[in-house]
Amino acid sequence: MAKLRYLLFFMLCLHSFSGCKGADRVRHDHHNLAGDDQSDRIITGADQTEVYVRLLSGKKVGVVANQTSLTGGRHLVDVLLENKIDVRRAFAPEHGFRGEAGPGDKVQSGKDPRTGLPVISLYGSKKRPDPADVNDLDVVVFDIQDVGVRFYTYISTLHYVMEVCAEQGVEVMVLDRPNPNGFYVDGPVLKPDFSSFVGVAPIPVVHGLTVAEYAKMVNGEGWLRGKVKCKLSIVEMKNYDHSMMYALPVRPSPNLPDMEAIYFYPSLCFFEGAKVSVGRGTPYPFKVFGYPGYGKGEMKITPSDISGVITDPPYEGKECNVIDLRGKEKMILEKRKLMIEWIIEMYRSYPDKNTFFNNFFDKLAGTDVLRKSIIAGKSAEEIRSGWKSELDDYSRLREKYLIYK
């Protein structure tokens, strides 16, 4: 991968968001249904309106979407309705259909106030659709911006939607988008005993797939319940490959406000399973880490509720000494690996090691080996060597399902 290409583009887009518009290429059961465009801009699946409008015309449609489901600055559902597509209902993932819910908040079913469409929550009392939610549909369209990390729940929602649609004979169409962390693969591969909504499939923490590539892998490897196969169609991106930088046009969730946070998120989210603040409840979510009394802290923060973003953040109202990562994301672009060193440092420095980890840590890791290795005093290099073999196996598997090189 061209490191110079990374860094030059990184300097242009780090603190800004850029969108793309465009034309027509689709993939359906791994066959192209439309021609190529030679533009050098990244053109997302959602930006290829004429392609999916043609394919959806005359069909009964459901849509899984959120605030990132934009084309030309407009929400996908609004565009579909304007083009006379028969959208019967929408499905809302974590954070809601229009991004109105905070992290962990239950998303309520109801109606979209802008369109009047029924909205079925997939992040409340249920995480997967009921058969009755899809069995009157011909196709469910999935268009959500992911960040390329196993425990980021949008791909879990896709997994469950594919599962139920496959059981009901309903097609799933994925409008693909770039993976902003797609330039590396790292971390332990999830073990079946640790499967949960923050990790459904046996993939590593940083999986190096777009949403569509993930869908292909799930289908191809028989990972859906009962090994059912989903009728899957994909509107591919144009002019994208995994070595490219891509600044997201919209924050993908309330606590990932910009590209700095998105690059640090894979390494720092482990602290959600430990007695460490990652800056939730401050202006710096996923840009700092520490705890009250941490001796090597470079700055002080005091987490508090932020309306629409976070309630009851860790260490609310308590001053924390934290490491400040702002302006240092270049290390992720250069190292292309999880910063396990940070987890080790926090554990070793924490005064009460018996209470450092909580029950969520192993779910995030997808295994108990990482936690046990840290407790045993292993170095970052020893921990990485422990997952190297399974990561090599996964990397070979990944090659089978890549759409973009």
Protein backbone atom coordinates (compact mmCIF):
# COMPACT_ATOMS: atom_id res chain seq x y z
CA MET A 1 0.00 0.00 0.00
CA ALA A 2 1.35 3.36 -0.97
CA LYS A 3 2.24 5.09 2.30
CA LEU A 4 2.88 8.39 0.52
CA ARG A 5 -0.59 8.23 -1.01
CA TYR A 6 -2.03 7.74 2.47
CA LEU A 7 -0.27 10.63 4.04
CA LEU A 8 -0.83 13.16 1.27
CA PHE A 9 -4.55 12.52 1.17
CA PHE A 10 -4.66 12.39 4.95
CA MET A 11 -3.33 15.93 5.18
CA LEU A 12 -6.06 17.14 2.83
CA CYS A 13 -9.03 15.49 4.51
CA LEU A 14 -8.25 14.84 8.17
CA HIS A 15 -10.48 17.46 9.78
CA SER A 16 -12.98 17.86 6.97
CA PHE A 17 -15.76 15.74 5.54
CA SER A 18 -16.19 15.20 1.82
CA GLY A 19 -19.06 13.63 -0.06
CA CYS A 20 -19.20 12.04 -3.48
CA LYS A 21 -21.78 11.91 -6.26
CA GLY A 22 -21.93 9.65 -9.20
CA ALA A 23 -23.05 7.17 -11.73
CA ASP A 24 -23.68 3.52 -12.41
CA ARG A 25 -22.25 0.15 -11.46
CA VAL A 26 -23.97 -2.63 -9.61
CA ARG A 27 -23.07 -6.12 -8.54
CA HIS A 28 -25.73 -8.81 -8.20
CA ASP A 29 -24.74 -12.34 -7.27
CA HIS A 30 -21.22 -11.31 -8.25
CA HIS A 31 -22.15 -10.21 -11.82
CA ASN A 32 -21.98 -6.59 -12.96
CA LEU A 33 -25.28 -5.17 -14.20
CA ALA A 34 -24.07 -1.76 -15.30
CA GLY A 35 -21.12 -0.12 -16.99
CA ASP A 36 -17.97 1.54 -15.65
CA ASP A 37 -17.15 5.16 -14.99
CA GLN A 38 -13.56 6.36 -15.30
CA SER A 39 -13.81 9.28 -12.87
CA ASP A 40 -11.20 9.26 -10.11
CA ARG A 41 -13.68 10.25 -7.38
CA ILE A 42 -15.02 7.64 -4.99
CA ILE A 43 -18.65 7.11 -5.96
CA THR A 44 -20.68 5.30 -3.31
CA GLY A 45 -23.46 2.84 -4.00
CA ALA A 46 -26.06 5.34 -2.77
CA ASP A 47 -24.80 7.95 -5.24
CA GLN A 48 -25.69 5.70 -8.18
CA THR A 49 -29.37 6.57 -8.00
CA GLU A 50 -30.35 5.60 -11.52
CA VAL A 51 -29.01 2.07 -10.99
CA TYR A 52 -30.93 1.10 -7.86
CA VAL A 53 -34.06 3.07 -8.80
CA ARG A 54 -34.26 1.00 -11.95
CA LEU A 55 -33.77 -2.23 -10.00
CA LEU A 56 -36.27 -1.29 -7.29
CA SER A 57 -38.99 -0.03 -9.59
CA GLY A 58 -42.23 -1.96 -9.14
CA LYS A 59 -40.99 -3.73 -5.99
CA LYS A 60 -42.13 -3.49 -2.39
CA VAL A 61 -39.15 -2.10 -0.50
CA GLY A 62 -37.88 -1.85 3.07
CA VAL A 63 -34.87 0.30 3.96
CA VAL A 64 -32.30 -0.06 6.75
CA ALA A 65 -30.85 3.41 7.12
CA ASN A 66 -29.67 6.15 9.46
CA GLN A 67 -28.30 9.69 9.30
CA THR A 68 -25.34 8.53 7.15
CA SER A 69 -27.65 7.25 4.39
CA LEU A 70 -27.15 10.28 2.19
CA THR A 71 -26.76 10.92 -1.50
CA GLY A 72 -26.15 14.44 -2.71
CA GLY A 73 -26.81 15.67 0.84
CA ARG A 74 -30.27 14.09 0.94
CA HIS A 75 -31.51 11.05 2.85
CA LEU A 76 -31.80 7.88 0.78
CA VAL A 77 -35.44 7.32 1.76
CA ASP A 78 -36.40 10.82 0.60
CA VAL A 79 -34.69 10.16 -2.74
CA LEU A 80 -36.42 6.79 -3.16
CA LEU A 81 -39.84 8.26 -2.46
CA GLU A 82 -39.20 11.13 -4.84
CA ASN A 83 -38.43 8.53 -7.53
CA LYS A 84 -41.78 6.77 -6.88
CA ILE A 85 -40.22 3.70 -5.23
CA ASP A 86 -42.75 1.83 -3.11
CA VAL A 87 -41.00 2.09 0.26
CA ARG A 88 -43.22 0.27 2.76
CA ARG A 89 -41.19 0.76 5.94
CA ALA A 90 -37.82 1.71 7.38
CA PHE A 91 -35.67 -0.12 9.92
CA ALA A 92 -33.65 1.78 12.52
CA PRO A 93 -30.25 0.53 13.82
CA GLU A 94 -28.42 1.74 16.91
CA HIS A 95 -28.66 5.56 17.17
CA GLY A 96 -31.95 5.62 15.24
CA PHE A 97 -33.25 6.13 11.70
CA ARG A 98 -32.17 9.77 11.53
CA GLY A 99 -29.38 9.46 14.13
CA GLU A 100 -31.44 10.87 16.97
CA ALA A 101 -30.49 8.36 19.73
CA GLY A 102 -27.39 8.34 21.90
CA PRO A 103 -25.03 5.38 22.46
CA GLY A 104 -26.80 2.45 24.09
CA ASP A 105 -30.16 4.27 24.10
CA LYS A 106 -33.08 2.12 23.06
CA VAL A 107 -34.43 3.15 19.68
CA GLN A 108 -38.21 3.41 19.58
CA SER A 109 -40.38 2.14 16.76
CA GLY A 110 -42.86 4.61 15.37
CA LYS A 111 -43.18 6.89 12.36
CA ASP A 112 -40.63 9.00 10.55
CA PRO A 113 -41.91 12.56 11.04
CA ARG A 114 -40.59 13.72 7.67
CA THR A 115 -42.17 11.01 5.50
CA GLY A 116 -44.77 9.30 7.68
CA LEU A 117 -43.14 5.93 7.01
CA PRO A 118 -43.42 3.27 9.70
CA VAL A 119 -40.05 2.82 11.42
CA ILE A 120 -39.23 -0.51 13.07
CA SER A 121 -36.50 -0.39 15.69
CA LEU A 122 -33.70 -2.95 15.50
CA TYR A 123 -32.05 -1.58 18.62
CA GLY A 124 -34.60 -1.85 21.39
CA SER A 125 -36.69 -4.82 22.43
CA LYS A 126 -35.38 -6.72 19.41
CA LYS A 127 -32.17 -6.70 17.41
CA ARG A 128 -33.44 -8.62 14.38
CA PRO A 129 -36.59 -8.13 12.32
CA ASP A 130 -39.57 -10.38 12.91
CA PRO A 131 -40.58 -12.50 9.89
CA ALA A 132 -43.74 -10.38 9.60
CA ASP A 133 -41.58 -7.25 9.26
CA VAL A 134 -40.17 -8.43 5.93
CA ASN A 135 -42.32 -11.21 4.46
CA ASP A 136 -44.51 -8.79 2.48
CA LEU A 137 -41.44 -7.15 0.92
CA ASP A 138 -39.54 -7.97 -2.26
CA VAL A 139 -36.27 -6.38 -1.19
CA VAL A 140 -34.65 -4.73 1.83
CA VAL A 141 -32.09 -2.04 1.01
CA PHE A 142 -29.19 -1.59 3.46
CA ASP A 143 -27.31 1.71 3.29
CA ILE A 144 -25.33 2.67 6.39
CA GLN A 145 -21.80 4.03 6.79
CA ASP A 146 -19.71 1.59 8.83
CA VAL A 147 -16.25 2.16 10.36
CA GLY A 148 -14.72 -1.28 9.77
CA VAL A 149 -14.64 -2.62 13.33
CA ARG A 150 -16.31 -5.85 14.46
CA PHE A 151 -17.93 -4.40 17.57
CA TYR A 152 -19.47 -1.44 15.73
CA THR A 153 -23.03 -2.73 15.61
CA TYR A 154 -24.18 -1.78 12.12
CA ILE A 155 -22.76 -4.95 10.57
CA SER A 156 -24.47 -6.99 13.28
CA THR A 157 -27.75 -5.41 12.20
CA LEU A 158 -26.95 -6.30 8.58
CA HIS A 159 -26.17 -9.86 9.63
CA TYR A 160 -29.54 -10.30 11.35
CA VAL A 161 -31.43 -8.61 8.50
CA MET A 162 -29.81 -10.96 5.99
CA GLU A 163 -30.68 -13.92 8.18
CA VAL A 164 -34.39 -13.14 8.47
CA CYS A 165 -34.66 -12.09 4.82
CA ALA A 166 -33.01 -15.33 3.72
CA GLU A 167 -35.49 -17.33 5.77
CA GLN A 168 -38.38 -15.41 4.20
CA GLY A 169 -37.07 -15.46 0.63
CA VAL A 170 -36.55 -11.66 0.53
CA GLU A 171 -33.65 -10.07 -1.34
CA VAL A 172 -31.16 -7.80 0.43
CA MET A 173 -29.55 -5.01 -1.60
CA VAL A 174 -26.44 -3.38 -0.11
CA LEU A 175 -25.47 0.09 -1.29
CA ASP A 176 -21.78 -0.03 -0.52
CA ARG A 177 -19.68 2.66 1.16
CA PRO A 178 -15.94 2.98 1.96
CA ASN A 179 -14.38 1.50 5.07
CA PRO A 180 -12.41 4.34 6.70
CA ASN A 181 -10.34 1.76 8.60
CA GLY A 182 -10.09 -0.57 5.62
CA PHE A 183 -6.34 -0.16 5.17
CA TYR A 184 -5.41 -2.78 7.79
CA VAL A 185 -6.56 -5.99 9.47
CA ASP A 186 -5.75 -6.76 13.11
CA GLY A 187 -6.93 -8.24 16.38
CA PRO A 188 -8.17 -11.56 17.68
CA VAL A 189 -10.76 -13.48 15.66
CA LEU A 190 -14.06 -13.89 17.50
CA LYS A 191 -14.64 -17.29 19.13
CA PRO A 192 -18.19 -18.72 18.98
CA ASP A 193 -18.62 -18.74 22.77
CA PHE A 194 -18.20 -14.96 22.81
CA SER A 195 -20.71 -14.15 20.10
CA SER A 196 -23.00 -11.22 20.92
CA PHE A 197 -24.48 -8.16 19.25
CA VAL A 198 -21.02 -6.53 19.39
CA GLY A 199 -19.57 -9.52 17.56
CA VAL A 200 -21.64 -11.96 15.52
CA ALA A 201 -19.23 -13.51 13.01
CA PRO A 202 -15.74 -15.07 13.40
CA ILE A 203 -13.80 -12.09 12.10
CA PRO A 204 -11.05 -10.01 13.72
CA VAL A 205 -11.62 -6.70 15.49
CA VAL A 206 -10.41 -4.69 12.48
CA HIS A 207 -11.75 -6.76 9.60
CA GLY A 208 -10.71 -4.82 6.48
CA LEU A 209 -14.04 -5.25 4.68
CA THR A 210 -16.65 -2.91 3.32
CA VAL A 211 -20.23 -3.65 4.35
CA ALA A 212 -20.85 -5.39 1.02
CA GLU A 213 -17.71 -7.50 1.31
CA TYR A 214 -18.81 -8.51 4.79
CA ALA A 215 -22.22 -9.50 3.43
CA LYS A 216 -20.56 -11.64 0.75
CA MET A 217 -18.40 -13.36 3.36
CA VAL A 218 -21.32 -14.08 5.68
CA ASN A 219 -23.29 -15.55 2.78
CA GLY A 220 -20.41 -17.47 1.27
CA GLU A 221 -19.20 -19.01 4.53
CA GLY A 222 -22.65 -20.12 5.67
CA TRP A 223 -22.62 -17.98 8.81
CA LEU A 224 -26.32 -17.18 8.77
CA ARG A 225 -28.57 -19.11 11.14
CA GLY A 226 -29.27 -22.58 9.75
CA LYS A 227 -26.67 -21.89 7.01
CA VAL A 228 -29.38 -20.26 4.90
CA LYS A 229 -28.25 -18.20 1.89
CA CYS A 230 -29.51 -14.70 1.36
CA LYS A 231 -30.37 -13.45 -2.12
CA LEU A 232 -27.81 -10.66 -2.13
CA SER A 233 -27.31 -7.81 -4.59
CA ILE A 234 -24.65 -5.14 -4.27
CA VAL A 235 -24.36 -1.69 -5.77
CA GLU A 236 -20.59 -1.42 -5.83
CA MET A 237 -18.60 1.72 -5.36
CA LYS A 238 -16.51 3.15 -8.14
CA ASN A 239 -12.89 4.18 -7.91
CA TYR A 240 -12.35 2.83 -4.40
CA ASP A 241 -9.72 0.49 -3.03
CA HIS A 242 -8.71 -0.36 0.51
CA SER A 243 -5.52 1.71 0.40
CA MET A 244 -7.50 4.94 -0.01
CA MET A 245 -8.22 7.48 2.67
CA TYR A 246 -11.84 8.57 2.92
CA ALA A 247 -13.15 11.37 5.12
CA LEU A 248 -16.73 10.58 6.10
CA PRO A 249 -19.26 13.23 5.09
CA VAL A 250 -21.39 12.67 8.23
CA ARG A 251 -20.43 11.45 11.70
CA PRO A 252 -21.39 7.75 11.82
CA SER A 253 -22.49 7.93 15.48
CA PRO A 254 -22.65 10.65 18.16
CA ASN A 255 -19.27 9.86 19.77
CA LEU A 256 -17.30 9.56 16.55
CA PRO A 257 -17.33 13.22 15.52
CA ASP A 258 -14.44 13.22 13.04
CA MET A 259 -11.69 11.18 11.43
CA GLU A 260 -9.35 11.43 14.43
CA ALA A 261 -11.88 9.61 16.59
CA ILE A 262 -12.63 7.06 13.85
CA TYR A 263 -8.96 6.09 13.54
CA PHE A 264 -8.49 5.71 17.30
CA TYR A 265 -11.82 3.98 17.89
CA PRO A 266 -10.66 0.37 17.16
CA SER A 267 -7.96 0.57 19.84
CA LEU A 268 -9.79 2.70 22.40
CA CYS A 269 -13.16 0.95 22.38
CA PHE A 270 -11.64 -1.90 24.43
CA PHE A 271 -11.69 0.54 27.35
CA GLU A 272 -15.49 0.40 27.31
CA GLY A 273 -14.86 -2.93 29.06
CA ALA A 274 -12.52 -1.48 31.69
CA LYS A 275 -12.21 1.28 34.29
CA VAL A 276 -10.95 3.82 31.77
CA SER A 277 -12.51 6.94 30.27
CA VAL A 278 -12.15 7.44 26.53
CA GLY A 279 -13.44 10.99 26.72
CA ARG A 280 -17.16 10.28 26.43
CA GLY A 281 -18.97 13.24 27.96
CA THR A 282 -16.25 15.67 26.86
CA PRO A 283 -15.40 17.41 23.56
CA TYR A 284 -12.80 14.67 22.94
CA PRO A 285 -14.56 11.28 22.64
CA PHE A 286 -12.15 8.55 21.48
CA LYS A 287 -9.26 11.01 21.44
CA VAL A 288 -8.11 10.66 25.06
CA PHE A 289 -7.88 7.90 27.66
CA GLY A 290 -7.20 7.70 31.36
CA TYR A 291 -8.82 7.63 34.80
CA PRO A 292 -8.82 9.65 38.04
CA GLY A 293 -5.34 9.76 39.51
CA TYR A 294 -3.52 8.31 36.49
CA GLY A 295 0.06 9.35 37.05
CA LYS A 296 1.13 9.87 33.43
CA GLY A 297 -1.83 11.98 32.35
CA GLU A 298 -1.08 14.91 30.03
CA MET A 299 -4.35 16.77 30.57
CA LYS A 300 -7.43 16.71 32.78
CA ILE A 301 -11.05 16.10 31.77
CA THR A 302 -14.29 15.92 33.73
CA PRO A 303 -16.96 13.91 31.87
CA SER A 304 -20.56 15.09 32.03
CA ASP A 305 -23.87 14.50 30.26
CA ILE A 306 -24.06 15.97 26.76
CA SER A 307 -27.59 16.24 25.37
CA GLY A 308 -28.09 14.01 22.33
CA VAL A 309 -24.62 12.51 22.66
CA ILE A 310 -24.13 10.73 26.01
CA THR A 311 -25.81 10.30 29.37
CA ASP A 312 -24.08 8.91 32.45
CA PRO A 313 -20.59 8.71 30.91
CA PRO A 314 -17.90 6.78 32.80
CA TYR A 315 -16.45 8.85 35.65
CA GLU A 316 -19.21 11.43 35.31
CA GLY A 317 -18.35 14.50 37.41
CA LYS A 318 -14.91 13.15 38.33
CA GLU A 319 -11.67 14.66 37.16
CA CYS A 320 -9.60 12.22 35.07
CA ASN A 321 -5.96 12.44 34.11
CA VAL A 322 -5.70 11.37 30.49
CA ILE A 323 -3.33 10.78 27.62
CA ASP A 324 -4.12 13.23 24.81
CA LEU A 325 -4.09 11.64 21.34
CA ARG A 326 -5.26 14.65 19.38
CA GLY A 327 -3.09 15.28 16.35
CA LYS A 328 -1.40 11.88 16.68
CA GLU A 329 -3.54 9.75 14.35
CA LYS A 330 -0.60 9.49 11.96
CA MET A 331 0.65 6.65 14.17
CA ILE A 332 -2.38 4.53 13.18
CA LEU A 333 -1.86 5.27 9.49
CA GLU A 334 1.79 4.27 9.75
CA LYS A 335 1.61 1.32 12.17
CA ARG A 336 -1.67 -0.13 10.82
CA LYS A 337 -2.35 -2.13 13.97
CA LEU A 338 -4.33 -2.06 17.20
CA MET A 339 -2.48 -0.21 19.94
CA ILE A 340 -2.55 -3.00 22.51
CA GLU A 341 0.21 -1.15 24.33
CA TRP A 342 -2.39 1.33 25.59
CA ILE A 343 -4.52 -1.38 27.18
CA ILE A 344 -1.48 -2.94 28.81
CA GLU A 345 -0.32 0.43 30.18
CA MET A 346 -3.72 1.21 31.69
CA TYR A 347 -3.98 -2.20 33.36
CA ARG A 348 -0.47 -2.08 34.78
CA SER A 349 -0.96 1.40 36.17
CA TYR A 350 -4.44 0.89 37.62
CA PRO A 351 -4.33 0.56 41.41
CA ASP A 352 -7.05 -2.11 41.84
CA LYS A 353 -6.36 -4.67 39.14
CA ASN A 354 -9.09 -7.02 40.37
CA THR A 355 -11.75 -4.51 39.33
CA PHE A 356 -10.11 -3.13 36.16
CA PHE A 357 -11.99 -5.31 33.65
CA ASN A 358 -15.75 -5.70 33.46
CA ASN A 359 -17.84 -8.41 31.77
CA PHE A 360 -18.04 -6.44 28.53
CA PHE A 361 -14.33 -6.65 27.77
CA ASP A 362 -14.35 -10.26 26.54
CA LYS A 363 -17.35 -9.57 24.32
CA LEU A 364 -15.50 -6.67 22.70
CA ALA A 365 -12.37 -8.79 22.27
CA GLY A 366 -14.37 -11.79 21.06
CA THR A 367 -12.30 -14.01 23.33
CA ASP A 368 -11.04 -14.20 26.91
CA VAL A 369 -7.45 -14.75 25.74
CA LEU A 370 -6.65 -11.04 25.42
CA ARG A 371 -7.76 -10.24 28.97
CA LYS A 372 -5.96 -13.26 30.41
CA SER A 373 -2.79 -12.40 28.48
CA ILE A 374 -2.78 -8.85 29.84
CA ILE A 375 -3.31 -10.12 33.40
CA ALA A 376 -0.47 -12.62 32.88
CA GLY A 377 1.89 -9.77 32.06
CA LYS A 378 2.48 -10.58 28.40
CA SER A 379 3.91 -7.89 26.15
CA ALA A 380 2.09 -6.46 23.14
CA GLU A 381 4.38 -8.44 20.85
CA GLU A 382 3.60 -11.69 22.66
CA ILE A 383 -0.12 -10.99 22.49
CA ARG A 384 0.03 -10.24 18.75
CA SER A 385 2.01 -13.41 18.10
CA GLY A 386 -0.79 -15.33 19.81
CA TRP A 387 -3.36 -14.28 17.24
CA LYS A 388 -1.05 -14.23 14.19
CA SER A 389 -1.98 -17.69 12.92
CA GLU A 390 -5.74 -17.11 13.05
CA LEU A 391 -5.26 -13.66 11.53
CA ASP A 392 -3.27 -15.19 8.66
CA ASP A 393 -6.09 -17.68 8.07
CA TYR A 394 -8.64 -14.89 8.09
CA SER A 395 -6.58 -12.78 5.66
CA ARG A 396 -6.60 -15.65 3.17
CA LEU A 397 -10.36 -16.01 3.64
CA ARG A 398 -10.82 -12.27 3.16
CA GLU A 399 -9.15 -12.41 -0.24
CA LYS A 400 -12.01 -14.58 -1.54
CA TYR A 401 -14.60 -11.89 -0.85
CA LEU A 402 -12.84 -8.63 -1.72
CA ILE A 403 -14.59 -6.50 -4.28
CA TYR A 404 -11.97 -3.78 -4.04
CA LYS A 405 -8.25 -4.50 -3.84
